[in-house]
Amino acid sequence: MTQGNPTIPLKLPENSIMQNRLVKTAYKLIKSKLNEVILLTREVMQETQIEFVRSYIDAGEWRLAIETLCDILYEDELPISATAYSLIQEISSSLDLKNSVGEILKPQVLITAPFPTR
């Protein structure tokens, strides 16, 4: 479902229609990835925590959403999948957040064992 980081060209005229479309597309991708991370972590998070993060997403406060999500996962020492961790890294990069936002979660990433062979 993820397709790399959205990029926004900086050389388009300010407030141009094309720039506005690119920005909206990039933000839709970020919002989609945030919602995907919520789905991937819902098993370990409390419903109130999920609602709290979703309130930031719905308000368009994506930086606060990803920072809050990372804080919850880190402080409660909740395990996360490699897929969720990768998405958190992508979102953080897209929003120009410090690497440390998702980096603190690295020890909590679950290592999935391969299926046994018969």
PDB file of N, CA and C in Angstrom:
ATOM      1  N   MET A   1       0.813  -1.188   0.000  1.00  0.00           N
ATOM      2  CA  MET A   1       0.000   0.000   0.000  1.00  0.00           C
ATOM      3  C   MET A   1       0.860   1.256   0.000  1.00  0.00           C
ATOM      4  N   THR A   2       2.043   1.180   0.583  1.00  0.00           N
ATOM      5  CA  THR A   2       2.905   2.354   0.599  1.00  0.00           C
ATOM      6  C   THR A   2       3.708   2.413  -0.678  1.00  0.00           C
ATOM      7  N   GLN A   3       3.941   3.631  -1.155  1.00  0.00           N
ATOM      8  CA  GLN A   3       4.656   3.809  -2.405  1.00  0.00           C
ATOM      9  C   GLN A   3       5.710   4.882  -2.274  1.00  0.00           C
ATOM     10  N   GLY A   4       6.559   4.786  -1.275  1.00  0.00           N
ATOM     11  CA  GLY A   4       7.629   5.758  -1.106  1.00  0.00           C
ATOM     12  C   GLY A   4       7.139   7.064  -0.528  1.00  0.00           C
ATOM     13  N   ASN A   5       8.062   7.979  -0.374  1.00  0.00           N
ATOM     14  CA  ASN A   5       7.743   9.272   0.216  1.00  0.00           C
ATOM     15  C   ASN A   5       7.197  10.224  -0.828  1.00  0.00           C
ATOM     16  N   PRO A   6       6.106  10.943  -0.504  1.00  0.00           N
ATOM     17  CA  PRO A   6       5.629  11.949  -1.446  1.00  0.00           C
ATOM     18  C   PRO A   6       6.601  13.119  -1.465  1.00  0.00           C
ATOM     19  N   THR A   7       6.848  13.650  -2.639  1.00  0.00           N
ATOM     20  CA  THR A   7       7.724  14.809  -2.742  1.00  0.00           C
ATOM     21  C   THR A   7       6.951  15.963  -3.329  1.00  0.00           C
ATOM     22  N   ILE A   8       7.251  17.146  -2.856  1.00  0.00           N
ATOM     23  CA  ILE A   8       6.580  18.349  -3.324  1.00  0.00           C
ATOM     24  C   ILE A   8       7.621  19.227  -3.996  1.00  0.00           C
ATOM     25  N   PRO A   9       7.499  19.445  -5.319  1.00  0.00           N
ATOM     26  CA  PRO A   9       8.476  20.297  -5.992  1.00  0.00           C
ATOM     27  C   PRO A   9       8.440  21.709  -5.429  1.00  0.00           C
ATOM     28  N   LEU A  10       9.612  22.307  -5.282  1.00  0.00           N
ATOM     29  CA  LEU A  10       9.692  23.637  -4.685  1.00  0.00           C
ATOM     30  C   LEU A  10       9.717  24.759  -5.717  1.00  0.00           C
ATOM     31  N   LYS A  11       9.842  24.442  -7.007  1.00  0.00           N
ATOM     32  CA  LYS A  11      10.019  25.478  -8.008  1.00  0.00           C
ATOM     33  C   LYS A  11       8.727  25.904  -8.694  1.00  0.00           C
ATOM     34  N   LEU A  12       7.599  25.373  -8.287  1.00  0.00           N
ATOM     35  CA  LEU A  12       6.339  25.805  -8.880  1.00  0.00           C
ATOM     36  C   LEU A  12       5.960  27.168  -8.315  1.00  0.00           C
ATOM     37  N   PRO A  13       5.280  27.984  -9.121  1.00  0.00           N
ATOM     38  CA  PRO A  13       4.855  29.290  -8.609  1.00  0.00           C
ATOM     39  C   PRO A  13       3.982  29.120  -7.371  1.00  0.00           C
ATOM     40  N   GLU A  14       4.196  29.995  -6.417  1.00  0.00           N
ATOM     41  CA  GLU A  14       3.436  29.928  -5.176  1.00  0.00           C
ATOM     42  C   GLU A  14       1.948  30.041  -5.472  1.00  0.00           C
ATOM     43  N   ASN A  15       1.154  29.212  -4.804  1.00  0.00           N
ATOM     44  CA  ASN A  15      -0.297  29.183  -4.943  1.00  0.00           C
ATOM     45  C   ASN A  15      -0.769  28.809  -6.340  1.00  0.00           C
ATOM     46  N   SER A  16       0.086  28.187  -7.152  1.00  0.00           N
ATOM     47  CA  SER A  16      -0.360  27.739  -8.466  1.00  0.00           C
ATOM     48  C   SER A  16      -1.294  26.549  -8.287  1.00  0.00           C
ATOM     49  N   ILE A  17      -2.139  26.321  -9.269  1.00  0.00           N
ATOM     50  CA  ILE A  17      -3.083  25.209  -9.202  1.00  0.00           C
ATOM     51  C   ILE A  17      -2.331  23.889  -9.106  1.00  0.00           C
ATOM     52  N   MET A  18      -1.270  23.760  -9.902  1.00  0.00           N
ATOM     53  CA  MET A  18      -0.485  22.527  -9.890  1.00  0.00           C
ATOM     54  C   MET A  18       0.162  22.307  -8.522  1.00  0.00           C
ATOM     55  N   GLN A  19       0.700  23.367  -7.934  1.00  0.00           N
ATOM     56  CA  GLN A  19       1.316  23.240  -6.612  1.00  0.00           C
ATOM     57  C   GLN A  19       0.270  22.806  -5.591  1.00  0.00           C
ATOM     58  N   ASN A  20      -0.897  23.417  -5.634  1.00  0.00           N
ATOM     59  CA  ASN A  20      -1.955  23.061  -4.688  1.00  0.00           C
ATOM     60  C   ASN A  20      -2.360  21.598  -4.832  1.00  0.00           C
ATOM     61  N   ARG A  21      -2.445  21.103  -6.073  1.00  0.00           N
ATOM     62  CA  ARG A  21      -2.803  19.700  -6.300  1.00  0.00           C
ATOM     63  C   ARG A  21      -1.726  18.766  -5.761  1.00  0.00           C
ATOM     64  N   LEU A  22      -0.469  19.117  -6.002  1.00  0.00           N
ATOM     65  CA  LEU A  22       0.626  18.276  -5.508  1.00  0.00           C
ATOM     66  C   LEU A  22       0.657  18.238  -3.989  1.00  0.00           C
ATOM     67  N   VAL A  23       0.439  19.377  -3.366  1.00  0.00           N
ATOM     68  CA  VAL A  23       0.424  19.440  -1.903  1.00  0.00           C
ATOM     69  C   VAL A  23      -0.725  18.598  -1.360  1.00  0.00           C
ATOM     70  N   LYS A  24      -1.908  18.736  -1.963  1.00  0.00           N
ATOM     71  CA  LYS A  24      -3.060  17.955  -1.506  1.00  0.00           C
ATOM     72  C   LYS A  24      -2.818  16.463  -1.677  1.00  0.00           C
ATOM     73  N   THR A  25      -2.210  16.081  -2.799  1.00  0.00           N
ATOM     74  CA  THR A  25      -1.909  14.670  -3.038  1.00  0.00           C
ATOM     75  C   THR A  25      -0.917  14.148  -2.002  1.00  0.00           C
ATOM     76  N   ALA A  26       0.128  14.924  -1.733  1.00  0.00           N
ATOM     77  CA  ALA A  26       1.126  14.517  -0.742  1.00  0.00           C
ATOM     78  C   ALA A  26       0.490  14.368   0.634  1.00  0.00           C
ATOM     79  N   TYR A  27      -0.361  15.299   1.003  1.00  0.00           N
ATOM     80  CA  TYR A  27      -0.987  15.227   2.316  1.00  0.00           C
ATOM     81  C   TYR A  27      -1.985  14.078   2.408  1.00  0.00           C
ATOM     82  N   LYS A  28      -2.653  13.762   1.305  1.00  0.00           N
ATOM     83  CA  LYS A  28      -3.550  12.603   1.315  1.00  0.00           C
ATOM     84  C   LYS A  28      -2.757  11.321   1.546  1.00  0.00           C
ATOM     85  N   LEU A  29      -1.572  11.233   0.940  1.00  0.00           N
ATOM     86  CA  LEU A  29      -0.713  10.066   1.154  1.00  0.00           C
ATOM     87  C   LEU A  29      -0.267   9.968   2.609  1.00  0.00           C
ATOM     88  N   ILE A  30       0.106  11.095   3.186  1.00  0.00           N
ATOM     89  CA  ILE A  30       0.537  11.108   4.587  1.00  0.00           C
ATOM     90  C   ILE A  30      -0.618  10.688   5.490  1.00  0.00           C
ATOM     91  N   LYS A  31      -1.797  11.259   5.242  1.00  0.00           N
ATOM     92  CA  LYS A  31      -2.967  10.914   6.054  1.00  0.00           C
ATOM     93  C   LYS A  31      -3.293   9.425   5.914  1.00  0.00           C
ATOM     94  N   SER A  32      -3.197   8.911   4.709  1.00  0.00           N
ATOM     95  CA  SER A  32      -3.452   7.496   4.464  1.00  0.00           C
ATOM     96  C   SER A  32      -2.455   6.621   5.222  1.00  0.00           C
ATOM     97  N   LYS A  33      -1.191   7.005   5.195  1.00  0.00           N
ATOM     98  CA  LYS A  33      -0.160   6.241   5.906  1.00  0.00           C
ATOM     99  C   LYS A  33      -0.366   6.307   7.419  1.00  0.00           C
ATOM    100  N   LEU A  34      -0.772   7.464   7.922  1.00  0.00           N
ATOM    101  CA  LEU A  34      -1.055   7.581   9.356  1.00  0.00           C
ATOM    102  C   LEU A  34      -2.186   6.632   9.754  1.00  0.00           C
ATOM    103  N   ASN A  35      -3.240   6.617   8.958  1.00  0.00           N
ATOM    104  CA  ASN A  35      -4.356   5.721   9.255  1.00  0.00           C
ATOM    105  C   ASN A  35      -3.942   4.256   9.155  1.00  0.00           C
ATOM    106  N   GLU A  36      -3.042   3.955   8.228  1.00  0.00           N
ATOM    107  CA  GLU A  36      -2.542   2.591   8.100  1.00  0.00           C
ATOM    108  C   GLU A  36      -1.741   2.181   9.341  1.00  0.00           C
ATOM    109  N   VAL A  37      -0.930   3.095   9.865  1.00  0.00           N
ATOM    110  CA  VAL A  37      -0.165   2.798  11.086  1.00  0.00           C
ATOM    111  C   VAL A  37      -1.120   2.545  12.251  1.00  0.00           C
ATOM    112  N   ILE A  38      -2.184   3.329  12.329  1.00  0.00           N
ATOM    113  CA  ILE A  38      -3.184   3.117  13.384  1.00  0.00           C
ATOM    114  C   ILE A  38      -3.758   1.699  13.274  1.00  0.00           C
ATOM    115  N   LEU A  39      -4.087   1.287  12.053  1.00  0.00           N
ATOM    116  CA  LEU A  39      -4.620  -0.066  11.861  1.00  0.00           C
ATOM    117  C   LEU A  39      -3.617  -1.136  12.291  1.00  0.00           C
ATOM    118  N   LEU A  40      -2.353  -0.900  11.998  1.00  0.00           N
ATOM    119  CA  LEU A  40      -1.313  -1.880  12.326  1.00  0.00           C
ATOM    120  C   LEU A  40      -0.988  -1.941  13.819  1.00  0.00           C
ATOM    121  N   THR A  41      -1.301  -0.883  14.547  1.00  0.00           N
ATOM    122  CA  THR A  41      -0.966  -0.839  15.979  1.00  0.00           C
ATOM    123  C   THR A  41      -2.193  -0.942  16.883  1.00  0.00           C
ATOM    124  N   ARG A  42      -3.364  -1.049  16.313  1.00  0.00           N
ATOM    125  CA  ARG A  42      -4.592  -1.040  17.126  1.00  0.00           C
ATOM    126  C   ARG A  42      -4.686  -2.207  18.094  1.00  0.00           C
ATOM    127  N   GLU A  43      -4.012  -3.305  17.776  1.00  0.00           N
ATOM    128  CA  GLU A  43      -4.041  -4.484  18.654  1.00  0.00           C
ATOM    129  C   GLU A  43      -3.369  -4.217  20.001  1.00  0.00           C
ATOM    130  N   VAL A  44      -2.399  -3.311  20.019  1.00  0.00           N
ATOM    131  CA  VAL A  44      -1.637  -3.081  21.250  1.00  0.00           C
ATOM    132  C   VAL A  44      -2.014  -1.780  21.951  1.00  0.00           C
ATOM    133  N   MET A  45      -2.734  -0.917  21.257  1.00  0.00           N
ATOM    134  CA  MET A  45      -3.096   0.380  21.840  1.00  0.00           C
ATOM    135  C   MET A  45      -4.500   0.346  22.430  1.00  0.00           C
ATOM    136  N   GLN A  46      -4.725   1.198  23.426  1.00  0.00           N
ATOM    137  CA  GLN A  46      -6.052   1.343  24.006  1.00  0.00           C
ATOM    138  C   GLN A  46      -6.900   2.211  23.080  1.00  0.00           C
ATOM    139  N   GLU A  47      -8.190   2.008  23.120  1.00  0.00           N
ATOM    140  CA  GLU A  47      -9.103   2.761  22.252  1.00  0.00           C
ATOM    141  C   GLU A  47      -8.989   4.268  22.481  1.00  0.00           C
ATOM    142  N   THR A  48      -8.806   4.684  23.730  1.00  0.00           N
ATOM    143  CA  THR A  48      -8.678   6.123  24.011  1.00  0.00           C
ATOM    144  C   THR A  48      -7.416   6.696  23.372  1.00  0.00           C
ATOM    145  N   GLN A  49      -6.349   5.905  23.347  1.00  0.00           N
ATOM    146  CA  GLN A  49      -5.109   6.352  22.709  1.00  0.00           C
ATOM    147  C   GLN A  49      -5.304   6.498  21.201  1.00  0.00           C
ATOM    148  N   ILE A  50      -5.982   5.530  20.609  1.00  0.00           N
ATOM    149  CA  ILE A  50      -6.252   5.575  19.170  1.00  0.00           C
ATOM    150  C   ILE A  50      -7.092   6.798  18.829  1.00  0.00           C
ATOM    151  N   GLU A  51      -8.136   7.034  19.612  1.00  0.00           N
ATOM    152  CA  GLU A  51      -9.006   8.193  19.371  1.00  0.00           C
ATOM    153  C   GLU A  51      -8.227   9.498  19.498  1.00  0.00           C
ATOM    154  N   PHE A  52      -7.306   9.552  20.452  1.00  0.00           N
ATOM    155  CA  PHE A  52      -6.493  10.747  20.662  1.00  0.00           C
ATOM    156  C   PHE A  52      -5.639  11.033  19.429  1.00  0.00           C
ATOM    157  N   VAL A  53      -4.973  10.002  18.913  1.00  0.00           N
ATOM    158  CA  VAL A  53      -4.137  10.169  17.719  1.00  0.00           C
ATOM    159  C   VAL A  53      -5.010  10.514  16.515  1.00  0.00           C
ATOM    160  N   ARG A  54      -6.147   9.842  16.377  1.00  0.00           N
ATOM    161  CA  ARG A  54      -7.059  10.122  15.249  1.00  0.00           C
ATOM    162  C   ARG A  54      -7.576  11.560  15.283  1.00  0.00           C
ATOM    163  N   SER A  55      -7.757  12.115  16.469  1.00  0.00           N
ATOM    164  CA  SER A  55      -8.238  13.501  16.552  1.00  0.00           C
ATOM    165  C   SER A  55      -7.232  14.458  15.923  1.00  0.00           C
ATOM    166  N   TYR A  56      -5.941  14.180  16.095  1.00  0.00           N
ATOM    167  CA  TYR A  56      -4.906  14.991  15.440  1.00  0.00           C
ATOM    168  C   TYR A  56      -4.918  14.781  13.930  1.00  0.00           C
ATOM    169  N   ILE A  57      -5.103  13.542  13.501  1.00  0.00           N
ATOM    170  CA  ILE A  57      -5.162  13.256  12.067  1.00  0.00           C
ATOM    171  C   ILE A  57      -6.333  13.999  11.439  1.00  0.00           C
ATOM    172  N   ASP A  58      -7.506  13.899  12.062  1.00  0.00           N
ATOM    173  CA  ASP A  58      -8.706  14.552  11.533  1.00  0.00           C
ATOM    174  C   ASP A  58      -8.579  16.069  11.502  1.00  0.00           C
ATOM    175  N   ALA A  59      -7.789  16.614  12.426  1.00  0.00           N
ATOM    176  CA  ALA A  59      -7.585  18.067  12.478  1.00  0.00           C
ATOM    177  C   ALA A  59      -6.477  18.524  11.524  1.00  0.00           C
ATOM    178  N   GLY A  60      -5.847  17.572  10.830  1.00  0.00           N
ATOM    179  CA  GLY A  60      -4.761  17.935   9.919  1.00  0.00           C
ATOM    180  C   GLY A  60      -3.445  18.192  10.626  1.00  0.00           C
ATOM    181  N   GLU A  61      -3.341  17.786  11.871  1.00  0.00           N
ATOM    182  CA  GLU A  61      -2.125  17.971  12.672  1.00  0.00           C
ATOM    183  C   GLU A  61      -1.294  16.693  12.612  1.00  0.00           C
ATOM    184  N   TRP A  62      -0.751  16.419  11.418  1.00  0.00           N
ATOM    185  CA  TRP A  62      -0.070  15.146  11.194  1.00  0.00           C
ATOM    186  C   TRP A  62       1.218  15.022  11.975  1.00  0.00           C
ATOM    187  N   ARG A  63       1.932  16.106  12.164  1.00  0.00           N
ATOM    188  CA  ARG A  63       3.162  16.032  12.973  1.00  0.00           C
ATOM    189  C   ARG A  63       2.833  15.650  14.412  1.00  0.00           C
ATOM    190  N   LEU A  64       1.823  16.296  14.962  1.00  0.00           N
ATOM    191  CA  LEU A  64       1.415  15.951  16.330  1.00  0.00           C
ATOM    192  C   LEU A  64       0.914  14.514  16.400  1.00  0.00           C
ATOM    193  N   ALA A  65       0.221  14.083  15.359  1.00  0.00           N
ATOM    194  CA  ALA A  65      -0.305  12.718  15.337  1.00  0.00           C
ATOM    195  C   ALA A  65       0.823  11.695  15.392  1.00  0.00           C
ATOM    196  N   ILE A  66       1.830  11.850  14.543  1.00  0.00           N
ATOM    197  CA  ILE A  66       2.914  10.859  14.507  1.00  0.00           C
ATOM    198  C   ILE A  66       3.780  10.951  15.763  1.00  0.00           C
ATOM    199  N   GLU A  67       4.007  12.168  16.260  1.00  0.00           N
ATOM    200  CA  GLU A  67       4.786  12.321  17.489  1.00  0.00           C
ATOM    201  C   GLU A  67       4.057  11.703  18.678  1.00  0.00           C
ATOM    202  N   THR A  68       2.745  11.936  18.752  1.00  0.00           N
ATOM    203  CA  THR A  68       1.942  11.384  19.843  1.00  0.00           C
ATOM    204  C   THR A  68       1.897   9.865  19.758  1.00  0.00           C
ATOM    205  N   LEU A  69       1.711   9.354  18.556  1.00  0.00           N
ATOM    206  CA  LEU A  69       1.698   7.906  18.362  1.00  0.00           C
ATOM    207  C   LEU A  69       3.015   7.288  18.826  1.00  0.00           C
ATOM    208  N   CYS A  70       4.109   7.882  18.410  1.00  0.00           N
ATOM    209  CA  CYS A  70       5.434   7.373  18.814  1.00  0.00           C
ATOM    210  C   CYS A  70       5.614   7.455  20.327  1.00  0.00           C
ATOM    211  N   ASP A  71       5.178   8.558  20.926  1.00  0.00           N
ATOM    212  CA  ASP A  71       5.277   8.703  22.385  1.00  0.00           C
ATOM    213  C   ASP A  71       4.501   7.602  23.106  1.00  0.00           C
ATOM    214  N   ILE A  72       3.277   7.341  22.642  1.00  0.00           N
ATOM    215  CA  ILE A  72       2.447   6.303  23.266  1.00  0.00           C
ATOM    216  C   ILE A  72       3.127   4.940  23.149  1.00  0.00           C
ATOM    217  N   LEU A  73       3.561   4.616  21.939  1.00  0.00           N
ATOM    218  CA  LEU A  73       4.198   3.316  21.715  1.00  0.00           C
ATOM    219  C   LEU A  73       5.464   3.167  22.553  1.00  0.00           C
ATOM    220  N   TYR A  74       6.248   4.244  22.627  1.00  0.00           N
ATOM    221  CA  TYR A  74       7.509   4.208  23.368  1.00  0.00           C
ATOM    222  C   TYR A  74       7.279   4.134  24.878  1.00  0.00           C
ATOM    223  N   GLU A  75       6.453   5.051  25.394  1.00  0.00           N
ATOM    224  CA  GLU A  75       6.256   5.133  26.844  1.00  0.00           C
ATOM    225  C   GLU A  75       5.584   3.890  27.415  1.00  0.00           C
ATOM    226  N   ASP A  76       4.670   3.298  26.651  1.00  0.00           N
ATOM    227  CA  ASP A  76       3.992   2.088  27.119  1.00  0.00           C
ATOM    228  C   ASP A  76       4.732   0.814  26.708  1.00  0.00           C
ATOM    229  N   GLU A  77       5.889   0.995  26.053  1.00  0.00           N
ATOM    230  CA  GLU A  77       6.725  -0.122  25.605  1.00  0.00           C
ATOM    231  C   GLU A  77       5.926  -1.148  24.816  1.00  0.00           C
ATOM    232  N   LEU A  78       5.135  -0.640  23.860  1.00  0.00           N
ATOM    233  CA  LEU A  78       4.280  -1.502  23.056  1.00  0.00           C
ATOM    234  C   LEU A  78       5.049  -2.046  21.850  1.00  0.00           C
ATOM    235  N   PRO A  79       4.886  -3.323  21.564  1.00  0.00           N
ATOM    236  CA  PRO A  79       5.575  -3.898  20.403  1.00  0.00           C
ATOM    237  C   PRO A  79       4.924  -3.426  19.105  1.00  0.00           C
ATOM    238  N   ILE A  80       5.739  -3.267  18.071  1.00  0.00           N
ATOM    239  CA  ILE A  80       5.204  -2.879  16.762  1.00  0.00           C
ATOM    240  C   ILE A  80       5.818  -3.768  15.684  1.00  0.00           C
ATOM    241  N   SER A  81       5.083  -3.895  14.605  1.00  0.00           N
ATOM    242  CA  SER A  81       5.577  -4.703  13.488  1.00  0.00           C
ATOM    243  C   SER A  81       6.616  -3.921  12.693  1.00  0.00           C
ATOM    244  N   ALA A  82       7.393  -4.646  11.922  1.00  0.00           N
ATOM    245  CA  ALA A  82       8.380  -4.007  11.051  1.00  0.00           C
ATOM    246  C   ALA A  82       7.681  -3.117  10.026  1.00  0.00           C
ATOM    247  N   THR A  83       6.504  -3.527   9.584  1.00  0.00           N
ATOM    248  CA  THR A  83       5.737  -2.727   8.620  1.00  0.00           C
ATOM    249  C   THR A  83       5.310  -1.406   9.238  1.00  0.00           C
ATOM    250  N   ALA A  84       4.801  -1.452  10.472  1.00  0.00           N
ATOM    251  CA  ALA A  84       4.392  -0.224  11.159  1.00  0.00           C
ATOM    252  C   ALA A  84       5.591   0.690  11.372  1.00  0.00           C
ATOM    253  N   TYR A  85       6.712   0.108  11.769  1.00  0.00           N
ATOM    254  CA  TYR A  85       7.928   0.897  11.988  1.00  0.00           C
ATOM    255  C   TYR A  85       8.377   1.570  10.698  1.00  0.00           C
ATOM    256  N   SER A  86       8.341   0.841   9.607  1.00  0.00           N
ATOM    257  CA  SER A  86       8.730   1.391   8.307  1.00  0.00           C
ATOM    258  C   SER A  86       7.823   2.556   7.911  1.00  0.00           C
ATOM    259  N   LEU A  87       6.530   2.401   8.132  1.00  0.00           N
ATOM    260  CA  LEU A  87       5.590   3.486   7.827  1.00  0.00           C
ATOM    261  C   LEU A  87       5.852   4.710   8.694  1.00  0.00           C
ATOM    262  N   ILE A  88       6.136   4.495   9.960  1.00  0.00           N
ATOM    263  CA  ILE A  88       6.445   5.609  10.862  1.00  0.00           C
ATOM    264  C   ILE A  88       7.669   6.359  10.352  1.00  0.00           C
ATOM    265  N   GLN A  89       8.676   5.619   9.909  1.00  0.00           N
ATOM    266  CA  GLN A  89       9.884   6.244   9.356  1.00  0.00           C
ATOM    267  C   GLN A  89       9.549   7.053   8.100  1.00  0.00           C
ATOM    268  N   GLU A  90       8.723   6.495   7.212  1.00  0.00           N
ATOM    269  CA  GLU A  90       8.331   7.194   5.985  1.00  0.00           C
ATOM    270  C   GLU A  90       7.574   8.480   6.295  1.00  0.00           C
ATOM    271  N   ILE A  91       6.624   8.389   7.214  1.00  0.00           N
ATOM    272  CA  ILE A  91       5.828   9.562   7.580  1.00  0.00           C
ATOM    273  C   ILE A  91       6.725  10.630   8.189  1.00  0.00           C
ATOM    274  N   SER A  92       7.587  10.230   9.102  1.00  0.00           N
ATOM    275  CA  SER A  92       8.497  11.181   9.745  1.00  0.00           C
ATOM    276  C   SER A  92       9.374  11.875   8.718  1.00  0.00           C
ATOM    277  N   SER A  93       9.873  11.121   7.767  1.00  0.00           N
ATOM    278  CA  SER A  93      10.708  11.685   6.711  1.00  0.00           C
ATOM    279  C   SER A  93       9.905  12.653   5.844  1.00  0.00           C
ATOM    280  N   SER A  94       8.684  12.271   5.485  1.00  0.00           N
ATOM    281  CA  SER A  94       7.826  13.125   4.658  1.00  0.00           C
ATOM    282  C   SER A  94       7.501  14.445   5.340  1.00  0.00           C
ATOM    283  N   LEU A  95       7.405  14.404   6.660  1.00  0.00           N
ATOM    284  CA  LEU A  95       7.067  15.604   7.430  1.00  0.00           C
ATOM    285  C   LEU A  95       8.308  16.339   7.923  1.00  0.00           C
ATOM    286  N   ASP A  96       9.481  15.906   7.467  1.00  0.00           N
ATOM    287  CA  ASP A  96      10.757  16.516   7.851  1.00  0.00           C
ATOM    288  C   ASP A  96      10.973  16.522   9.361  1.00  0.00           C
ATOM    289  N   LEU A  97      10.563  15.440  10.010  1.00  0.00           N
ATOM    290  CA  LEU A  97      10.791  15.310  11.447  1.00  0.00           C
ATOM    291  C   LEU A  97      12.154  14.684  11.679  1.00  0.00           C
ATOM    292  N   LYS A  98      12.700  14.928  12.841  1.00  0.00           N
ATOM    293  CA  LYS A  98      13.993  14.346  13.203  1.00  0.00           C
ATOM    294  C   LYS A  98      13.899  12.827  13.144  1.00  0.00           C
ATOM    295  N   ASN A  99      14.997  12.204  12.777  1.00  0.00           N
ATOM    296  CA  ASN A  99      15.039  10.742  12.725  1.00  0.00           C
ATOM    297  C   ASN A  99      14.723  10.114  14.070  1.00  0.00           C
ATOM    298  N   SER A 100      14.988  10.837  15.156  1.00  0.00           N
ATOM    299  CA  SER A 100      14.802  10.275  16.490  1.00  0.00           C
ATOM    300  C   SER A 100      13.344   9.988  16.816  1.00  0.00           C
ATOM    301  N   VAL A 101      12.411  10.604  16.088  1.00  0.00           N
ATOM    302  CA  VAL A 101      10.993  10.377  16.371  1.00  0.00           C
ATOM    303  C   VAL A 101      10.662   8.896  16.259  1.00  0.00           C
ATOM    304  N   GLY A 102      10.998   8.286  15.158  1.00  0.00           N
ATOM    305  CA  GLY A 102      10.730   6.865  14.993  1.00  0.00           C
ATOM    306  C   GLY A 102      11.862   5.985  15.471  1.00  0.00           C
ATOM    307  N   GLU A 103      13.056   6.541  15.529  1.00  0.00           N
ATOM    308  CA  GLU A 103      14.250   5.775  15.902  1.00  0.00           C
ATOM    309  C   GLU A 103      14.142   5.205  17.318  1.00  0.00           C
ATOM    310  N   ILE A 104      13.458   5.930  18.204  1.00  0.00           N
ATOM    311  CA  ILE A 104      13.325   5.452  19.582  1.00  0.00           C
ATOM    312  C   ILE A 104      12.535   4.146  19.664  1.00  0.00           C
ATOM    313  N   LEU A 105      11.766   3.848  18.615  1.00  0.00           N
ATOM    314  CA  LEU A 105      10.936   2.649  18.621  1.00  0.00           C
ATOM    315  C   LEU A 105      11.661   1.405  18.116  1.00  0.00           C
ATOM    316  N   LYS A 106      12.846   1.581  17.587  1.00  0.00           N
ATOM    317  CA  LYS A 106      13.567   0.468  16.964  1.00  0.00           C
ATOM    318  C   LYS A 106      13.653  -0.775  17.859  1.00  0.00           C
ATOM    319  N   PRO A 107      13.952  -0.623  19.154  1.00  0.00           N
ATOM    320  CA  PRO A 107      14.036  -1.823  20.005  1.00  0.00           C
ATOM    321  C   PRO A 107      12.696  -2.547  20.185  1.00  0.00           C
ATOM    322  N   GLN A 108      11.596  -1.884  19.868  1.00  0.00           N
ATOM    323  CA  GLN A 108      10.282  -2.480  20.071  1.00  0.00           C
ATOM    324  C   GLN A 108       9.737  -3.186  18.832  1.00  0.00           C
ATOM    325  N   VAL A 109      10.501  -3.142  17.753  1.00  0.00           N
ATOM    326  CA  VAL A 109      10.050  -3.778  16.513  1.00  0.00           C
ATOM    327  C   VAL A 109      10.115  -5.290  16.677  1.00  0.00           C
ATOM    328  N   LEU A 110       9.005  -5.934  16.369  1.00  0.00           N
ATOM    329  CA  LEU A 110       8.932  -7.390  16.470  1.00  0.00           C
ATOM    330  C   LEU A 110       9.679  -8.030  15.310  1.00  0.00           C
ATOM    331  N   ILE A 111      10.459  -9.002  15.622  1.00  0.00           N
ATOM    332  CA  ILE A 111      11.134  -9.792  14.596  1.00  0.00           C
ATOM    333  C   ILE A 111      10.248 -11.009  14.348  1.00  0.00           C
ATOM    334  N   THR A 112       9.743 -11.114  13.137  1.00  0.00           N
ATOM    335  CA  THR A 112       8.864 -12.241  12.838  1.00  0.00           C
ATOM    336  C   THR A 112       9.693 -13.413  12.344  1.00  0.00           C
ATOM    337  N   ALA A 113       9.431 -14.546  12.927  1.00  0.00           N
ATOM    338  CA  ALA A 113      10.153 -15.760  12.542  1.00  0.00           C
ATOM    339  C   ALA A 113       9.537 -16.322  11.269  1.00  0.00           C
ATOM    340  N   PRO A 114      10.348 -16.896  10.412  1.00  0.00           N
ATOM    341  CA  PRO A 114       9.798 -17.517   9.203  1.00  0.00           C
ATOM    342  C   PRO A 114       8.962 -18.736   9.575  1.00  0.00           C
ATOM    343  N   PHE A 115       8.021 -19.068   8.707  1.00  0.00           N
ATOM    344  CA  PHE A 115       7.202 -20.251   8.947  1.00  0.00           C
ATOM    345  C   PHE A 115       8.084 -21.494   8.877  1.00  0.00           C
ATOM    346  N   PRO A 116       7.842 -22.447   9.766  1.00  0.00           N
ATOM    347  CA  PRO A 116       8.658 -23.669   9.727  1.00  0.00           C
ATOM    348  C   PRO A 116       8.404 -24.443   8.433  1.00  0.00           C
ATOM    349  N   THR A 117       9.444 -25.049   7.929  1.00  0.00           N
ATOM    350  CA  THR A 117       9.298 -25.863   6.721  1.00  0.00           C
ATOM    351  C   THR A 117       9.005 -27.294   7.122  1.00  0.00           C
ATOM    352  N   ARG A 118       8.319 -27.995   6.270  1.00  0.00           N
ATOM    353  CA  ARG A 118       7.959 -29.395   6.575  1.00  0.00           C
ATOM    354  C   ARG A 118       8.921 -30.336   5.951  1.00  0.00           C
TER     355      ARG A 118
END
